Structure formats: structure tokens, C-alpha cells
Amino acid sequence: MDDGCRFRFGTEYRGDDRSYEGVDYLTVWIGQSSSVGNDECVSPPCFNPYWHGSMLNLVRKLRISAAYYAYIIAFLAKHIDGLHDCDMGTPSLCQGGANFIRSNLNRILATYDKFANETAVRLGRSASVLWLIEPDWHQYHEDTQEGGGLQVADMVRLFNEITARILRHLPEAKISFDISPWVNNQEQWLRPFIQSCTIHYMHTSGGRTSADSPRIRAHDGGNMVTWRQVYDIARRGIIADTGYGVGGLSLGLDESWNRFDNLKARISDGVIAITQANPGAGWAGSLGSLRSELAWQAPLRECSWAQSVYAPAPPPHGAAAHELHEQAGDIRNMSYYALLAALGIGVLISLVCFVRRKILAARSRWARLHPRSAISPVNSGTDISKQDELRPKPLRHGRAQRAASGGRGTRAGVEMGAAPHAKAKTPKAAKSGKPKPSKRCSSATADAKPKVPRPRPAKACSLAVANDADES
């Protein structure tokens, strides 16, 4: 038998630590003003990556489908205007809900857009996520609304605007319309939406549905609407839910939806799936035999489910893109840190160079002011005693006197009676820049002939003689 005609079992997502083996889909309510991590949701309702995101990651991992109870209008009205569910006190959504929609249409649509986009990021645009639109949708049309309920035409327009925001990000998403079982004239209420809106399925909300009765809620007085009646009008498969009551209070496993005879009867009325909100451990594992019996004895009246909502989840292109986006953010942050580190290193190097220049300048000034105590930069680090060899040494006492008196040649010239200040020619060696006073002086002393005294060269000669003596 075609897998599209197989009856489906789903349950509410309650964290990754639960076992969901054997279920076909997980549901989660979206729109709650819940905390996100350690930070309170700033503008509820918020997409919570640690709750909604975790559920999406899990269905992708288990290769099962995701279903949203999109109670966004109600949660927004509760947070902003302080409204309550109609059976939970006043002021209620049955009184102020219509006015809230009139005043907050853009916020409502933006919130749907946000949730659809976040889902597409994680599951990809091709994911056929099921959207169970606005539980208790009929309450915004009722006469109890202040200022009058919304007209059906206005609600049709609003429904289309909501689905457009969803399909913009998730073109393969499946849309389900809420059944209000207390509205006995279902034909008049449902027909405009079925004719004018994109609707793939019908669904109940609020739990407490009857598996053992043709009526949707046989235990609620005045609710006369039947499963078959809704299916005949909409010609859409019905997703039933059970296991919780007023205010979302858990009622545990509803055993009536686990009996083969009840399921067979409801399948003949158009029901194609049941959501047990909180069935407890072991429920999913017990469905094997029930599935086998239903597969060949109770074919579905509506067989399009498998090809749309409950087809295996597509490859996680969106999730990979999300992970790549996070990795790109990490790389971008690392590049910022690297740039800051490079700037810090550059500043540190500049500071070191500045200090070094200051130290060298101070040493240079010290060397100019204290030449005898300064250590040559070339020989810095060597023994100071060796540096003394580089300093000029004073002449000995006798040599200093001879140098001051003009040396040997000058003394000889004075003894010959030459005038000490007579004008004399400059020796050739002095003109050439390479004087050889030692040779000239020695020859002059040996000849001892009267010559014109040459006082100025004699001084140079005496210095040369002194140097020769030092070298020896």
C-alpha cells in the first residue's frame, strides 16, 4: 500500500532527553513569551533556539516531520494587552482579541515571518513543515468581541496574509485550518476559507477529542459537530489531538485513541493522524502492531500526506548554511582579534624603538660631556681597562720639555746663533702633506753647518722626534 495512506502518530516535543522512537512527527507551540538562554525574550513571542531550534534539529536527525501549533496572535495579545484564554478569565481573547488584531496586524505578520525564516534556516526552504494555524480561530469572529468581531472577509484576508509570510520562506510548507467544534454551522463558517485560502489539512486544538464518538467533542454539551461533517465540507484530512485540557493541563495518555476499532471508525470519517500530547514512556514503542492492523484494514480517505508533510526531511542545506554562517562569524571575530593583536604588537615595537633612540641619544650626550669616561659604542661591553689604551697618554717630563723647546734641531740652530724667529722656507714635506721631519732633522744635526734657522719646521721636527722615540 502507498505510504501516503498510512495513519500517522505524533506527540508533543518535550526535550531531547525523551524517547520518540516510532512516532511520525513532533509538535511544538510557537509564540510563547519564554526565556531564550539566560536572557529574557526582549520582544515576545521569540524564536527560542534552545527549544524550537532543538526540536527542528531533532526531527532532522530522526528523519521525521515537524508540526507547529501557531498560536501567535493569542500569545502576542497575552503579552501586550494582558488578555487570557476565553476559558481562563477576563479580559479574554473573546473580548479584546479582534481589537488587538486591528491594532497589531504588522506585528502579527512580522512574527510569522520571523518563525518561518528561522525554520527555513535550520531545515531548508524545501522542508514541508506543518503549520496548524491559530487554535480557536473562530473566537476573533464572535459577537462577544468589543467593537464587534472580525468579518469573515477580513479573516480570510488575514489568513492569506499569514500563509503568504510562511510560504515566502517555506514554499513546501503545509497549512492546516483550525476546527472550532462549538460552531454548529460549519458550512457557513468554513466554506469561504476553503474556497479562498491555501489549506491542506484540518486540525483540532485544545485536546479532549472523542475517539469513540462520531462527534468531535462528545463530552462537551452543545458541541454537535461531527468528524464526517467537517471532512465532507473541507475534503481535507483531519489531524486530531488529545491528552490535554483547559490551560494546556496534561491529561496523560488517551487510551481511547489507542484502540483499533476507534481508530478504524475515525479513519472512515476522514481522520488521518492523532497527536497524543503527553502519552508517557513506552507509547511510541507499542504502536507497531496497531500500525500493521490499520495498514490493510483501514485505508485513509485522504492519501496525500506522505508526499507533503510527512515525507522524509530533506538534506539539511539550511542547517549547513546556518552552521557556515556561524563559522563565518567566528572567523570574522578571529580576524578582528588578529588585527587588534597586530596593532598591539606594532605599538609595542614602536615604543621599544622610541625608548632605544632615547637611550642612544642620552649616551651620545653623555659621551660628549664626559669624553674620558665614555666608553666607545663600538667597544661597549669590553673590559674598561682595555679602553684606557685608546685614550691619549701624556708625554714624559723630559720629552715634554724638549717638545716645548723645539727639539734637537731647534737647539742646534739656537747654538749656532740663528735668530729664533727668522723667516725660513717651509720644507717640501710639509707642503706635500706627508712630512718626513725625522730624516731632515737627523741630517741637519750630522752636518752641523751654519744654516738659516727654521723655527717652525723645527717644532714639527721635534714632535716627530718625540713620536719616533715613543714608537721605539
Protein backbone atom coordinates (compact mmCIF):
# COMPACT_ATOMS: atom_id res chain seq x y z
CA MET A 1 0.00 0.00 0.00
CA ASP A 2 1.13 3.53 -0.77
CA ASP A 3 2.91 5.02 2.24
CA GLY A 4 0.83 8.16 1.75
CA CYS A 5 -2.21 6.30 3.02
CA ARG A 6 -0.63 5.25 6.30
CA PHE A 7 -2.18 6.60 9.52
CA ARG A 8 0.22 8.87 11.43
CA PHE A 9 1.02 9.16 15.13
CA GLY A 10 2.60 12.25 16.64
CA THR A 11 3.43 13.66 20.05
CA GLU A 12 4.45 16.92 21.62
CA TYR A 13 8.14 17.75 21.85
CA ARG A 14 9.27 17.78 25.49
CA GLY A 15 13.04 17.95 25.18
CA ASP A 16 15.82 15.91 23.65
CA ASP A 17 16.07 13.62 26.67
CA ARG A 18 12.78 11.87 25.80
CA SER A 19 12.44 8.87 23.52
CA TYR A 20 10.50 9.49 20.31
CA GLU A 21 11.21 6.21 18.59
CA GLY A 22 8.29 5.13 16.44
CA VAL A 23 6.48 8.49 16.09
CA ASP A 24 5.88 10.13 12.73
CA TYR A 25 6.02 13.78 13.78
CA LEU A 26 6.69 16.12 16.69
CA THR A 27 4.64 19.19 17.58
CA VAL A 28 5.60 22.36 19.40
CA TRP A 29 3.68 25.50 20.29
CA ILE A 30 5.19 28.67 18.90
CA GLY A 31 4.64 32.14 20.18
CA GLN A 32 5.21 31.67 23.92
CA SER A 33 6.95 34.53 25.75
CA SER A 34 9.64 32.23 27.10
CA SER A 35 13.20 32.91 28.06
CA VAL A 36 15.94 32.44 25.50
CA GLY A 37 19.03 31.05 27.19
CA ASN A 38 19.90 33.27 30.12
CA ASP A 39 18.27 36.35 28.59
CA GLU A 40 14.56 37.06 28.74
CA CYS A 41 12.86 37.29 25.36
CA VAL A 42 13.01 41.03 24.65
CA SER A 43 10.01 41.29 22.33
CA PRO A 44 7.83 38.17 22.72
CA PRO A 45 6.99 35.95 21.11
CA CYS A 46 10.52 34.92 20.21
CA PHE A 47 12.01 32.00 18.34
CA ASN A 48 13.89 30.11 21.01
CA PRO A 49 16.92 28.33 19.51
CA TYR A 50 17.20 26.20 22.64
CA TRP A 51 13.60 24.97 22.36
CA HIS A 52 12.14 25.49 18.90
CA GLY A 53 15.57 25.14 17.33
CA SER A 54 16.31 21.97 19.28
CA MET A 55 13.06 20.41 18.13
CA LEU A 56 13.88 21.18 14.50
CA ASN A 57 17.34 19.70 14.87
CA LEU A 58 15.85 16.56 16.39
CA VAL A 59 13.27 15.96 13.65
CA ARG A 60 16.01 16.41 11.09
CA LYS A 61 18.14 13.86 12.93
CA LEU A 62 15.28 11.35 13.32
CA ARG A 63 14.06 11.96 9.76
CA ILE A 64 10.53 12.69 10.94
CA SER A 65 8.31 15.73 10.43
CA ALA A 66 7.73 18.90 12.42
CA ALA A 67 4.37 20.49 13.19
CA TYR A 68 3.78 23.95 14.68
CA TYR A 69 0.77 24.92 16.75
CA ALA A 70 0.91 28.54 15.59
CA TYR A 71 -0.82 30.33 18.47
CA ILE A 72 0.99 33.58 17.70
CA ILE A 73 -1.92 36.04 17.80
CA ALA A 74 -3.05 34.76 21.19
CA PHE A 75 0.43 34.82 22.71
CA LEU A 76 1.06 38.34 21.41
CA ALA A 77 -2.25 39.54 22.85
CA LYS A 78 -1.47 37.92 26.20
CA HIS A 79 1.92 39.60 26.39
CA ILE A 80 0.98 43.05 25.09
CA ASP A 81 -2.62 43.54 26.25
CA GLY A 82 -2.74 41.08 29.14
CA LEU A 83 -5.56 39.01 27.64
CA HIS A 84 -6.41 35.46 28.73
CA ASP A 85 -7.78 32.39 27.01
CA CYS A 86 -11.55 32.56 26.86
CA ASP A 87 -11.91 29.80 29.47
CA MET A 88 -9.21 31.23 31.77
CA GLY A 89 -10.70 34.55 32.93
CA THR A 90 -11.06 38.17 31.85
CA PRO A 91 -10.09 40.26 29.99
CA SER A 92 -10.11 37.49 27.45
CA LEU A 93 -9.32 36.87 23.83
CA CYS A 94 -13.07 36.55 23.25
CA GLN A 95 -13.43 40.20 24.28
CA GLY A 96 -10.29 42.05 23.15
CA GLY A 97 -8.84 39.73 20.54
CA ALA A 98 -10.42 41.41 17.50
CA ASN A 99 -9.28 44.90 18.53
CA PHE A 100 -5.80 43.57 19.18
CA ILE A 101 -5.64 42.23 15.63
CA ARG A 102 -6.82 45.54 14.23
CA SER A 103 -4.10 47.41 16.11
CA ASN A 104 -1.21 44.96 15.71
CA LEU A 105 -1.55 43.47 12.24
CA ASN A 106 2.02 44.31 11.20
CA ARG A 107 3.46 42.84 14.38
CA ILE A 108 1.49 39.62 13.86
CA LEU A 109 2.71 39.21 10.29
CA ALA A 110 6.30 40.05 11.23
CA THR A 111 6.25 37.36 13.92
CA TYR A 112 5.04 34.72 11.47
CA ASP A 113 7.73 35.86 9.07
CA LYS A 114 10.37 35.51 11.77
CA PHE A 115 9.40 31.96 12.73
CA ALA A 116 9.17 30.83 9.10
CA ASN A 117 12.57 32.27 8.29
CA GLU A 118 14.23 30.69 11.34
CA THR A 119 12.72 27.35 10.35
CA ALA A 120 13.97 27.63 6.77
CA VAL A 121 17.46 28.45 8.03
CA ARG A 122 17.54 25.20 10.00
CA LEU A 123 15.62 22.79 7.77
CA GLY A 124 15.94 24.35 4.33
CA ARG A 125 13.31 26.01 2.15
CA SER A 126 12.07 22.66 0.86
CA ALA A 127 11.05 21.40 4.31
CA SER A 128 7.34 20.54 4.46
CA VAL A 129 6.67 21.76 7.97
CA LEU A 130 3.03 21.59 9.05
CA TRP A 131 1.54 24.84 10.37
CA LEU A 132 -1.60 24.40 12.49
CA ILE A 133 -2.78 28.00 12.18
CA GLU A 134 -4.23 29.80 15.20
CA PRO A 135 -6.12 27.49 17.56
CA ASP A 136 -9.59 28.85 18.41
CA TRP A 137 -9.50 30.94 15.22
CA HIS A 138 -13.28 31.43 15.32
CA GLN A 139 -13.09 33.39 18.62
CA TYR A 140 -12.00 36.57 16.79
CA HIS A 141 -15.22 36.49 14.77
CA GLU A 142 -17.65 36.10 17.67
CA ASP A 143 -20.19 38.68 18.82
CA THR A 144 -18.59 38.93 22.27
CA GLN A 145 -15.71 40.95 20.80
CA GLU A 146 -15.51 44.59 21.84
CA GLY A 147 -16.15 46.69 18.77
CA GLY A 148 -17.59 43.66 17.02
CA GLY A 149 -15.94 40.53 15.77
CA LEU A 150 -13.87 40.47 12.61
CA GLN A 151 -15.87 39.93 9.46
CA VAL A 152 -15.32 36.66 7.62
CA ALA A 153 -13.93 38.51 4.60
CA ASP A 154 -11.38 40.27 6.84
CA MET A 155 -10.41 36.96 8.42
CA VAL A 156 -9.98 35.35 5.01
CA ARG A 157 -7.68 38.22 4.03
CA LEU A 158 -5.71 37.91 7.29
CA PHE A 159 -5.36 34.15 6.86
CA ASN A 160 -3.98 34.63 3.35
CA GLU A 161 -1.50 37.24 4.57
CA ILE A 162 -0.29 34.86 7.28
CA THR A 163 0.18 31.96 4.88
CA ALA A 164 1.97 34.24 2.41
CA ARG A 165 4.56 35.08 5.06
CA ILE A 166 5.06 31.38 5.76
CA LEU A 167 5.26 30.25 2.14
CA ARG A 168 7.69 33.03 1.28
CA HIS A 169 10.35 31.21 3.32
CA LEU A 170 8.93 27.67 3.18
CA PRO A 171 7.24 27.16 -0.20
CA GLU A 172 6.67 23.46 0.57
CA ALA A 173 5.05 24.11 3.97
CA LYS A 174 1.61 22.63 4.63
CA ILE A 175 -1.17 24.76 6.10
CA SER A 176 -3.89 23.41 8.38
CA PHE A 177 -7.11 25.19 9.36
CA ASP A 178 -8.42 25.02 12.93
CA ILE A 179 -11.75 23.32 13.66
CA SER A 180 -13.98 25.08 16.18
CA PRO A 181 -16.29 22.22 17.25
CA TRP A 182 -18.63 24.54 19.17
CA VAL A 183 -19.65 26.26 15.89
CA ASN A 184 -22.53 24.13 14.77
CA ASN A 185 -22.98 25.85 11.39
CA GLN A 186 -19.70 24.64 9.93
CA GLU A 187 -20.79 25.05 6.32
CA GLN A 188 -21.30 28.81 6.61
CA TRP A 189 -18.12 29.25 8.63
CA LEU A 190 -15.72 27.02 6.69
CA ARG A 191 -16.77 27.47 3.08
CA PRO A 192 -15.21 30.96 2.47
CA PHE A 193 -11.81 29.81 3.78
CA ILE A 194 -11.85 26.54 1.84
CA GLN A 195 -12.66 28.40 -1.37
CA SER A 196 -10.25 31.34 -0.97
CA CYS A 197 -7.28 30.16 1.10
CA THR A 198 -4.36 27.75 0.80
CA ILE A 199 -5.39 24.92 3.13
CA HIS A 200 -4.02 21.38 3.04
CA TYR A 201 -5.46 19.88 6.24
CA MET A 202 -7.91 20.48 9.07
CA HIS A 203 -6.98 20.09 12.73
CA THR A 204 -8.41 20.20 16.24
CA SER A 205 -6.79 22.04 19.14
CA GLY A 206 -7.42 22.08 22.85
CA GLY A 207 -7.37 18.30 23.23
CA ARG A 208 -10.28 16.38 24.77
CA THR A 209 -11.40 14.97 21.40
CA SER A 210 -13.53 11.83 21.23
CA ALA A 211 -12.09 8.76 19.55
CA ASP A 212 -15.12 6.65 20.43
CA SER A 213 -17.79 9.00 19.07
CA PRO A 214 -18.77 10.45 15.69
CA ARG A 215 -18.83 13.86 17.40
CA ILE A 216 -15.54 15.68 17.77
CA ARG A 217 -16.22 16.54 21.42
CA ALA A 218 -18.98 14.32 22.66
CA HIS A 219 -18.25 15.22 26.30
CA ASP A 220 -18.91 18.95 25.80
CA GLY A 221 -22.56 19.89 25.81
CA GLY A 222 -23.75 21.73 22.73
CA ASN A 223 -20.82 20.66 20.53
CA MET A 224 -22.70 18.75 17.86
CA VAL A 225 -20.16 18.92 15.05
CA THR A 226 -19.02 15.53 13.74
CA TRP A 227 -15.77 14.37 12.15
CA ARG A 228 -17.52 13.36 8.95
CA GLN A 229 -19.31 16.70 8.69
CA VAL A 230 -16.04 18.64 8.68
CA TYR A 231 -14.42 16.30 6.20
CA ASP A 232 -17.36 16.46 3.79
CA ILE A 233 -17.22 20.28 3.76
CA ALA A 234 -13.45 20.70 3.56
CA ARG A 235 -12.46 17.48 1.77
CA ARG A 236 -9.21 17.70 3.73
CA GLY A 237 -7.71 15.10 6.04
CA ILE A 238 -8.20 15.81 9.76
CA ILE A 239 -5.40 15.86 12.34
CA ALA A 240 -6.91 15.13 15.77
CA ASP A 241 -5.23 15.93 19.07
CA THR A 242 -5.79 14.75 22.64
CA GLY A 243 -4.11 14.37 26.01
CA TYR A 244 -4.50 17.90 27.43
CA GLY A 245 -7.28 20.17 28.59
CA VAL A 246 -8.00 23.71 29.83
CA GLY A 247 -4.90 25.86 30.02
CA GLY A 248 -2.80 23.13 28.41
CA LEU A 249 -3.03 20.92 31.50
CA SER A 250 -1.70 17.45 30.67
CA LEU A 251 -4.17 14.58 30.85
CA GLY A 252 -1.65 11.86 30.01
CA LEU A 253 -2.26 9.06 27.56
CA ASP A 254 -5.73 8.93 26.00
CA GLU A 255 -6.27 5.18 25.70
CA SER A 256 -9.36 5.58 23.52
CA TRP A 257 -7.11 6.67 20.63
CA ASN A 258 -5.03 3.51 21.04
CA ARG A 259 -7.89 1.12 20.27
CA PHE A 260 -8.08 -0.35 16.81
CA ASP A 261 -11.90 -0.18 16.49
CA ASN A 262 -11.98 3.51 17.42
CA LEU A 263 -9.18 4.38 15.02
CA LYS A 264 -10.81 2.42 12.20
CA ALA A 265 -14.08 4.32 12.70
CA ARG A 266 -12.39 7.72 12.82
CA ILE A 267 -10.29 6.94 9.76
CA SER A 268 -13.52 6.28 7.86
CA ASP A 269 -14.64 9.78 8.97
CA GLY A 270 -11.55 11.43 7.46
CA VAL A 271 -9.11 11.44 10.39
CA ILE A 272 -5.58 10.77 9.16
CA ALA A 273 -3.46 11.39 12.29
CA ILE A 274 -3.62 11.65 16.07
CA THR A 275 -1.37 13.76 18.28
CA GLN A 276 -1.02 12.40 21.82
CA ALA A 277 0.31 15.43 23.72
CA ASN A 278 1.89 13.61 26.65
CA PRO A 279 1.39 9.83 26.36
CA GLY A 280 4.27 8.84 28.61
CA ALA A 281 7.17 6.47 28.10
CA GLY A 282 6.64 3.36 26.03
CA TRP A 283 3.71 4.62 23.99
CA ALA A 284 5.55 5.02 20.70
CA GLY A 285 7.12 1.60 21.02
CA SER A 286 3.69 -0.04 21.35
CA LEU A 287 2.40 1.27 18.02
CA GLY A 288 3.90 -1.42 15.80
CA SER A 289 1.06 -3.92 15.95
CA LEU A 290 -1.56 -1.17 15.70
CA ARG A 291 0.09 0.18 12.56
CA SER A 292 0.10 -3.26 10.96
CA GLU A 293 -3.63 -3.76 11.54
CA LEU A 294 -4.53 -0.29 10.30
CA ALA A 295 -2.41 -0.58 7.16
CA TRP A 296 -4.58 -3.23 5.49
CA GLN A 297 -7.96 -2.86 7.24
CA ALA A 298 -8.42 0.90 7.39
CA PRO A 299 -7.08 2.80 4.38
CA LEU A 300 -7.20 6.56 4.68
CA ARG A 301 -9.76 8.62 2.82
CA GLU A 302 -7.04 11.24 2.18
CA CYS A 303 -3.72 9.86 0.88
CA SER A 304 -1.67 12.97 0.10
CA TRP A 305 0.04 13.21 3.48
CA ALA A 306 3.26 11.29 2.83
CA GLN A 307 4.16 13.27 -0.26
CA SER A 308 3.82 16.57 1.58
CA VAL A 309 4.05 16.95 5.33
CA TYR A 310 5.43 13.60 6.38
CA ALA A 311 7.90 12.91 3.62
CA PRO A 312 11.41 12.29 4.96
CA ALA A 313 13.11 15.52 5.86
CA PRO A 314 15.31 16.90 3.05
CA PRO A 315 19.09 17.17 3.40
CA PRO A 316 19.91 19.91 5.89
CA HIS A 317 21.03 22.55 3.42
CA GLY A 318 19.55 25.28 5.58
CA ALA A 319 21.17 23.91 8.70
CA ALA A 320 24.51 23.66 6.93
CA ALA A 321 24.12 27.24 5.78
CA HIS A 322 23.31 28.23 9.32
CA GLU A 323 26.43 26.45 10.60
CA LEU A 324 28.53 28.09 7.87
CA HIS A 325 27.09 31.44 8.85
CA GLU A 326 28.12 30.82 12.45
CA GLN A 327 31.58 29.69 11.33
CA ALA A 328 31.93 32.82 9.21
CA GLY A 329 31.04 34.88 12.26
CA ASP A 330 33.70 33.08 14.29
CA ILE A 331 36.29 33.65 11.57
CA ARG A 332 35.31 37.30 11.37
CA ASN A 333 35.73 37.67 15.12
CA MET A 334 39.10 35.92 14.96
CA SER A 335 40.23 38.31 12.23
CA TYR A 336 39.25 41.24 14.44
CA TYR A 337 41.28 39.78 17.29
CA ALA A 338 44.25 39.18 14.98
CA LEU A 339 44.06 42.76 13.74
CA LEU A 340 43.97 44.07 17.29
CA ALA A 341 46.91 41.84 18.20
CA ALA A 342 48.89 43.12 15.20
CA LEU A 343 48.14 46.70 16.17
CA GLY A 344 49.22 45.98 19.73
CA ILE A 345 52.48 44.42 18.56
CA GLY A 346 53.10 47.39 16.27
CA VAL A 347 52.55 49.82 19.12
CA LEU A 348 54.86 47.79 21.37
CA ILE A 349 57.62 47.73 18.73
CA SER A 350 57.26 51.48 18.18
CA LEU A 351 57.54 52.04 21.92
CA VAL A 352 60.67 49.88 22.16
CA CYS A 353 62.28 51.74 19.25
CA PHE A 354 61.40 55.07 20.81
CA VAL A 355 62.96 54.07 24.13
CA ARG A 356 66.05 52.76 22.36
CA ARG A 357 66.51 56.02 20.45
CA LYS A 358 66.18 57.93 23.69
CA ILE A 359 68.82 55.73 25.36
CA LEU A 360 71.25 56.13 22.46
CA ALA A 361 70.70 59.87 22.41
CA ALA A 362 71.36 60.06 26.14
CA ARG A 363 74.56 58.01 25.77
CA SER A 364 75.72 60.25 22.94
CA ARG A 365 75.19 63.37 25.03
CA TRP A 366 76.99 61.72 27.95
CA ALA A 367 79.93 60.87 25.69
CA ARG A 368 80.24 64.46 24.51
CA LEU A 369 80.09 65.83 28.05
CA HIS A 370 82.41 63.19 29.58
CA PRO A 371 84.83 62.13 26.82
CA ARG A 372 87.37 60.43 29.13
CA SER A 373 84.79 58.36 30.93
CA ALA A 374 82.70 57.46 27.92
CA ILE A 375 83.01 54.00 26.52
CA SER A 376 83.17 53.77 22.78
CA PRO A 377 79.92 52.31 21.45
CA VAL A 378 81.96 50.12 19.15
CA ASN A 379 83.73 48.52 22.09
CA SER A 380 80.84 48.57 24.55
CA GLY A 381 80.82 45.51 26.73
CA THR A 382 84.63 45.08 26.73
CA ASP A 383 86.88 45.45 29.73
CA ILE A 384 87.16 49.08 30.81
CA SER A 385 90.89 48.64 31.47
CA LYS A 386 91.39 47.85 27.78
CA GLN A 387 89.56 51.02 26.83
CA ASP A 388 92.30 53.06 28.55
CA GLU A 389 94.68 52.04 25.78
CA LEU A 390 92.59 54.07 23.35
CA ARG A 391 92.88 57.30 25.32
CA PRO A 392 95.76 59.77 24.58
CA LYS A 393 98.66 59.39 27.06
CA PRO A 394 100.68 62.40 28.34
CA LEU A 395 104.37 62.67 27.38
CA ARG A 396 107.01 62.01 29.96
CA HIS A 397 108.55 65.00 31.72
CA GLY A 398 111.79 65.21 29.68
CA ARG A 399 110.11 64.66 26.35
CA ALA A 400 107.52 67.27 27.10
CA GLN A 401 110.25 69.88 27.78
CA ARG A 402 112.11 69.03 24.60
CA ALA A 403 108.92 69.20 22.61
CA ALA A 404 108.15 72.58 24.10
CA SER A 405 111.71 73.91 23.37
CA GLY A 406 111.69 72.82 19.74
CA GLY A 407 113.60 69.52 19.88
CA ARG A 408 117.21 68.71 18.92
CA GLY A 409 117.31 70.53 15.65
CA THR A 410 115.98 73.70 17.15
CA ARG A 411 118.55 73.60 19.95
CA ALA A 412 121.33 73.24 17.42
CA GLY A 413 120.02 76.14 15.49
CA VAL A 414 120.00 78.34 18.59
CA GLU A 415 123.58 77.33 19.45
CA MET A 416 124.70 78.50 16.01
CA GLY A 417 123.32 81.92 16.84
CA ALA A 418 120.43 81.94 14.49
CA ALA A 419 117.56 84.19 15.30
CA PRO A 420 114.76 82.11 16.71
CA HIS A 421 112.10 83.95 14.76
CA ALA A 422 113.88 84.28 11.43
CA LYS A 423 111.86 83.61 8.35
CA ALA A 424 112.52 80.27 6.70
CA LYS A 425 111.19 78.22 3.88
CA THR A 426 108.65 75.58 4.58
CA PRO A 427 110.01 72.11 3.97
CA LYS A 428 108.71 70.26 0.92
CA ALA A 429 107.39 67.51 3.11
CA ALA A 430 105.16 69.96 4.92
CA LYS A 431 103.76 71.24 1.64
CA SER A 432 103.04 67.79 0.31
CA GLY A 433 101.12 66.82 3.40
CA LYS A 434 103.49 63.91 4.10
CA PRO A 435 106.28 65.38 6.22
CA LYS A 436 109.40 63.39 6.94
CA PRO A 437 110.88 65.51 9.67
CA SER A 438 112.91 62.73 11.30
CA LYS A 439 115.22 62.32 8.25
CA ARG A 440 115.76 66.03 7.71
CA CYS A 441 116.45 66.69 11.35
CA SER A 442 118.94 63.86 11.63
CA SER A 443 120.87 65.10 8.56
CA ALA A 444 120.89 68.65 9.82
CA THR A 445 122.33 67.54 13.13
CA ALA A 446 125.03 65.44 11.48
CA ASP A 447 126.29 68.17 9.09
CA ALA A 448 126.25 70.87 11.75
CA LYS A 449 126.72 73.55 9.08
CA PRO A 450 125.53 77.07 9.68
CA LYS A 451 122.15 77.45 8.10
CA VAL A 452 119.32 79.82 8.35
CA PRO A 453 117.33 78.74 11.34
CA ARG A 454 113.95 77.30 10.58
CA PRO A 455 111.98 77.60 13.77
CA ARG A 456 108.56 76.47 12.52
CA PRO A 457 109.71 73.28 10.84
CA ALA A 458 111.91 72.62 13.82
CA LYS A 459 108.81 72.45 16.00
CA ALA A 460 107.28 69.86 13.74
CA CYS A 461 110.57 68.09 13.71
CA SER A 462 110.72 67.96 17.46
CA LEU A 463 107.27 66.43 17.58
CA ALA A 464 108.26 63.85 15.01
CA VAL A 465 111.36 63.01 17.00
CA ALA A 466 109.25 62.59 20.09
CA ASN A 467 106.91 60.28 18.24
CA ASP A 468 109.78 58.24 16.90
CA ALA A 469 111.07 57.91 20.42
CA ASP A 470 107.70 56.70 21.62
CA GLU A 471 107.45 54.13 18.87
CA SER A 472 110.86 52.79 19.77
